[in-house]
Protein backbone atom coordinates (compact mmCIF):
# COMPACT_ATOMS: atom_id res chain seq x y z
CA PRO A 1 -24.35 85.21 152.38
CA THR A 2 -24.82 81.47 153.22
CA GLU A 3 -23.07 78.50 151.75
CA GLY A 4 -24.56 77.41 148.44
CA GLU A 5 -25.68 80.96 147.43
CA THR A 6 -25.01 81.57 143.64
CA LEU A 7 -24.60 85.01 141.92
CA ARG A 8 -24.35 85.50 138.23
CA VAL A 9 -22.56 88.67 136.95
CA ASN A 10 -21.36 89.36 133.44
CA GLY A 11 -21.06 85.74 132.41
CA VAL A 12 -19.46 84.70 135.63
CA VAL A 13 -21.15 82.38 138.26
CA LEU A 14 -19.99 82.87 141.87
CA THR A 15 -20.99 80.12 144.45
CA VAL A 16 -20.38 80.56 148.09
CA LEU A 17 -18.59 77.45 149.45
CA ALA A 18 -17.81 78.72 152.94
CA ALA A 19 -19.06 81.69 154.89
CA GLU A 20 -18.84 83.27 158.35
CA PRO A 21 -21.60 85.55 159.63
CA THR A 22 -19.76 88.63 158.34
CA ARG A 23 -17.70 87.45 155.44
CA VAL A 24 -17.27 84.96 152.64
CA THR A 25 -14.18 82.84 153.11
CA ARG A 26 -14.18 80.56 149.98
CA VAL A 27 -16.02 80.82 146.61
CA ARG A 28 -16.11 78.89 143.41
CA VAL A 29 -15.74 81.03 140.22
CA GLU A 30 -17.12 79.69 136.87
CA ARG A 31 -17.51 81.17 133.46
CA ALA A 32 -21.10 80.62 132.61
CA GLU A 33 -20.43 79.90 128.94
CA ALA A 34 -17.16 77.93 129.39
CA SER A 35 -16.42 75.34 126.55
CA GLU A 36 -14.26 73.15 128.83
CA PRO A 37 -15.49 72.59 132.39
CA SER A 38 -11.92 72.03 133.74
CA GLU A 39 -10.94 75.50 132.26
CA ALA A 40 -13.93 77.17 133.84
CA VAL A 41 -13.67 76.45 137.55
CA GLN A 42 -11.38 78.05 140.06
CA VAL A 43 -11.75 78.07 143.91
CA TRP A 44 -10.78 81.18 145.90
CA ASP A 45 -9.94 80.54 149.49
CA ALA A 46 -9.43 83.50 151.99
CA GLY A 47 -7.69 81.16 154.49
CA GLY A 48 -10.79 80.05 156.27
CA LYS A 49 -10.74 77.06 158.57
């Protein structure tokens, strides 16, 4: 995976924010049909640098 790649699954949009050659270290998770943007966005960080 590369930074900026987006995947949509079951109404959820995953965007790669940071990646290494063999793993994703940070993603943004959004509900595709969210009514409030502030409620829709979460960032997951695997402790990448």
